[in-house]
Amino acid sequence: MTTNLDGTEYTLLGCAVYQAQKIEFALYGIIAHLNDQPEFNRSGKFKGLTAEQFLRGDFKSMRATLGDLNKFTGRLLLASPDFENFVSDRNLLVHNYFRQFHTAFGDAESTNGVAFLTSFLENGRALEQVLKGLLVVLREAVAAKTGALEDLVVSEADLANKARYLQYVELHRLSAASE
């Protein structure tokens, strides 16, 4: 067993865990805000959860895991091989990083933890922009439904993220249709 992590790897490992938590937090928040929709409230893990409780509540009461949240990605038009890979890599990161990259029991083909972490961070940042774009789409839908479109403030960054989300949806819709 070898544990020769250097400062770079430790830093990347912390950043990767932080990035994974940002994605989980964003998904949890979106689903908490959609909890009044029947299709989002079939799981007992979200029953009675309001957006206010999510934002101000005790994190110990939030029982959904990334796997639970992943069940809703289809309804949010996020389901894709990219998202599945992110979930799989997140699980490796959280549960088996040490084993995979620092023991003799890891996969001989993937021995470079720094490369894995760097790739994970890039994928996580891209997915974060997609989620931010989804939030813009949802904000626009609520504003349209409530007649408040003229009051909606959308920044250039919001528009760029919305474009990333729509591009992501289109790319994965087309690839799913061709399968």
Protein backbone atom coordinates (compact mmCIF):
# COMPACT_ATOMS: atom_id res chain seq x y z
CA MET A 1 0.00 0.00 0.00
CA THR A 2 1.35 3.37 -1.01
CA THR A 3 0.14 6.80 0.08
CA ASN A 4 2.40 9.19 -1.76
CA LEU A 5 -0.08 12.00 -2.26
CA ASP A 6 1.60 15.32 -2.91
CA GLY A 7 0.19 18.77 -2.25
CA THR A 8 -1.26 19.04 -5.75
CA GLU A 9 -3.17 15.80 -5.42
CA TYR A 10 -4.49 16.77 -1.98
CA THR A 11 -5.63 20.12 -3.33
CA LEU A 12 -7.32 18.55 -6.34
CA LEU A 13 -8.96 15.93 -4.12
CA GLY A 14 -10.47 18.63 -1.92
CA CYS A 15 -11.60 20.66 -4.93
CA ALA A 16 -13.18 17.57 -6.50
CA VAL A 17 -15.16 16.75 -3.35
CA TYR A 18 -16.24 20.40 -3.16
CA GLN A 19 -17.33 20.35 -6.83
CA ALA A 20 -19.31 17.14 -6.32
CA GLN A 21 -21.10 18.69 -3.35
CA LYS A 22 -21.96 21.79 -5.40
CA ILE A 23 -23.65 19.60 -8.02
CA GLU A 24 -25.54 17.63 -5.36
CA PHE A 25 -26.62 20.84 -3.61
CA ALA A 26 -27.87 22.35 -6.87
CA LEU A 27 -29.85 19.22 -7.78
CA TYR A 28 -31.30 18.93 -4.30
CA GLY A 29 -32.32 22.58 -4.41
CA ILE A 30 -33.98 22.30 -7.80
CA ILE A 31 -35.91 19.22 -6.74
CA ALA A 32 -36.90 20.82 -3.43
CA HIS A 33 -38.32 23.78 -5.37
CA LEU A 34 -40.28 21.42 -7.64
CA ASN A 35 -41.54 19.32 -4.74
CA ASP A 36 -45.12 20.50 -5.24
CA GLN A 37 -45.13 18.70 -8.60
CA PRO A 38 -46.40 15.10 -8.19
CA GLU A 39 -43.68 13.59 -10.38
CA PHE A 40 -41.01 14.99 -8.05
CA ASN A 41 -42.69 13.93 -4.81
CA ARG A 42 -43.08 10.19 -5.30
CA SER A 43 -39.96 9.45 -3.28
CA GLY A 44 -40.41 9.50 0.48
CA LYS A 45 -37.04 11.23 0.73
CA PHE A 46 -38.56 14.46 -0.57
CA LYS A 47 -41.99 14.17 1.03
CA GLY A 48 -42.90 17.39 2.76
CA LEU A 49 -39.59 19.06 1.87
CA THR A 50 -40.09 22.68 0.95
CA ALA A 51 -37.61 25.03 -0.65
CA GLU A 52 -37.46 26.97 2.63
CA GLN A 53 -36.65 23.83 4.63
CA PHE A 54 -33.97 22.93 2.12
CA LEU A 55 -32.27 26.31 2.36
CA ARG A 56 -32.60 26.85 6.10
CA GLY A 57 -33.13 23.37 7.49
CA ASP A 58 -30.88 20.91 9.22
CA PHE A 59 -28.80 19.05 6.64
CA LYS A 60 -29.18 15.85 8.68
CA SER A 61 -32.86 15.72 7.68
CA MET A 62 -31.96 15.61 3.99
CA ARG A 63 -31.86 11.93 3.25
CA ALA A 64 -31.55 11.83 -0.53
CA THR A 65 -28.27 10.70 -2.02
CA LEU A 66 -26.85 11.59 -5.41
CA GLY A 67 -28.26 8.27 -6.63
CA ASP A 68 -31.73 9.35 -5.44
CA LEU A 69 -31.32 12.74 -7.11
CA ASN A 70 -30.13 11.06 -10.30
CA LYS A 71 -33.58 9.47 -10.67
CA PHE A 72 -34.98 12.91 -11.48
CA THR A 73 -32.47 13.86 -14.18
CA GLY A 74 -34.74 12.61 -16.96
CA ARG A 75 -37.56 14.91 -15.87
CA LEU A 76 -35.09 17.81 -15.84
CA LEU A 77 -33.70 16.84 -19.27
CA LEU A 78 -30.31 16.16 -17.70
CA ALA A 79 -30.15 12.40 -18.20
CA SER A 80 -27.15 11.53 -20.34
CA PRO A 81 -24.07 9.34 -20.43
CA ASP A 82 -22.13 12.43 -19.28
CA PHE A 83 -24.28 12.72 -16.17
CA GLU A 84 -24.07 8.98 -15.49
CA ASN A 85 -20.27 9.16 -15.79
CA PHE A 86 -20.21 12.09 -13.36
CA VAL A 87 -22.23 10.09 -10.82
CA SER A 88 -20.00 7.05 -11.30
CA ASP A 89 -16.83 9.14 -10.95
CA ARG A 90 -18.27 10.90 -7.90
CA ASN A 91 -18.89 7.52 -6.29
CA LEU A 92 -15.35 6.42 -7.06
CA LEU A 93 -14.05 9.70 -5.65
CA VAL A 94 -16.00 9.44 -2.41
CA HIS A 95 -15.87 5.71 -1.80
CA ASN A 96 -12.86 4.23 -3.58
CA TYR A 97 -10.33 6.91 -4.53
CA PHE A 98 -7.66 5.62 -2.16
CA ARG A 99 -8.17 2.02 -3.24
CA GLN A 100 -8.22 2.87 -6.93
CA PHE A 101 -5.18 5.12 -7.09
CA HIS A 102 -3.04 4.26 -4.06
CA THR A 103 -3.19 0.52 -3.47
CA ALA A 104 -2.28 -2.59 -5.41
CA PHE A 105 -6.03 -3.34 -5.67
CA GLY A 106 -6.73 -0.48 -8.08
CA ASP A 107 -7.27 -0.84 -11.78
CA ALA A 108 -3.86 -1.11 -13.46
CA GLU A 109 -5.11 1.02 -16.37
CA SER A 110 -6.04 3.99 -14.20
CA THR A 111 -3.18 4.76 -11.89
CA ASN A 112 -3.04 8.52 -12.34
CA GLY A 113 -5.16 10.10 -9.63
CA VAL A 114 -4.20 13.64 -10.61
CA ALA A 115 -5.46 13.10 -14.17
CA PHE A 116 -8.71 11.60 -12.83
CA LEU A 117 -9.25 14.52 -10.45
CA THR A 118 -8.46 17.11 -13.12
CA SER A 119 -10.93 15.51 -15.52
CA PHE A 120 -13.56 15.21 -12.78
CA LEU A 121 -13.22 18.92 -11.98
CA GLU A 122 -13.55 19.91 -15.65
CA ASN A 123 -16.64 17.74 -16.06
CA GLY A 124 -18.13 19.03 -12.80
CA ARG A 125 -17.62 22.66 -13.79
CA ALA A 126 -19.26 22.04 -17.16
CA LEU A 127 -22.21 20.30 -15.47
CA GLU A 128 -22.47 23.17 -12.99
CA GLN A 129 -22.91 25.60 -15.89
CA VAL A 130 -25.60 23.34 -17.35
CA LEU A 131 -27.43 23.34 -14.00
CA LYS A 132 -27.18 27.12 -13.78
CA GLY A 133 -28.71 27.24 -17.26
CA LEU A 134 -31.55 24.98 -16.13
CA LEU A 135 -32.19 27.42 -13.28
CA VAL A 136 -32.50 30.25 -15.78
CA VAL A 137 -35.02 28.23 -17.82
CA LEU A 138 -37.00 27.47 -14.66
CA ARG A 139 -36.92 31.12 -13.53
CA GLU A 140 -38.18 32.20 -16.96
CA ALA A 141 -40.99 29.62 -16.83
CA VAL A 142 -42.12 30.81 -13.40
CA ALA A 143 -41.96 34.46 -14.51
CA ALA A 144 -44.01 33.67 -17.61
CA LYS A 145 -46.57 31.69 -15.60
CA THR A 146 -46.98 34.46 -13.03
CA GLY A 147 -46.97 37.32 -15.57
CA ALA A 148 -43.72 38.74 -14.24
CA LEU A 149 -41.48 38.38 -17.30
CA GLU A 150 -40.84 42.13 -17.42
CA ASP A 151 -39.47 41.97 -13.86
CA LEU A 152 -37.08 39.09 -14.56
CA VAL A 153 -33.42 40.06 -14.51
CA VAL A 154 -31.21 37.86 -16.67
CA SER A 155 -27.49 38.58 -16.89
CA GLU A 156 -25.10 37.82 -19.71
CA ALA A 157 -23.71 34.93 -17.62
CA ASP A 158 -27.28 33.63 -17.18
CA LEU A 159 -27.81 33.73 -20.94
CA ALA A 160 -24.52 31.90 -21.56
CA ASN A 161 -25.46 29.20 -19.02
CA LYS A 162 -28.95 28.89 -20.52
CA ALA A 163 -27.36 28.37 -23.93
CA ARG A 164 -25.12 25.65 -22.41
CA TYR A 165 -28.15 23.92 -20.89
CA LEU A 166 -30.12 24.04 -24.14
CA GLN A 167 -27.10 22.81 -26.09
CA TYR A 168 -26.63 19.96 -23.57
CA VAL A 169 -30.31 18.97 -23.86
CA GLU A 170 -30.20 19.06 -27.65
CA LEU A 171 -26.96 17.07 -27.84
CA HIS A 172 -28.24 14.34 -25.55
CA ARG A 173 -31.70 14.31 -27.09
CA LEU A 174 -30.16 13.72 -30.50
CA SER A 175 -27.76 11.05 -29.23
CA ALA A 176 -30.61 9.24 -27.40
CA ALA A 177 -32.74 9.36 -30.55
CA SER A 178 -29.97 7.82 -32.66
CA GLU A 179 -29.51 4.86 -30.29
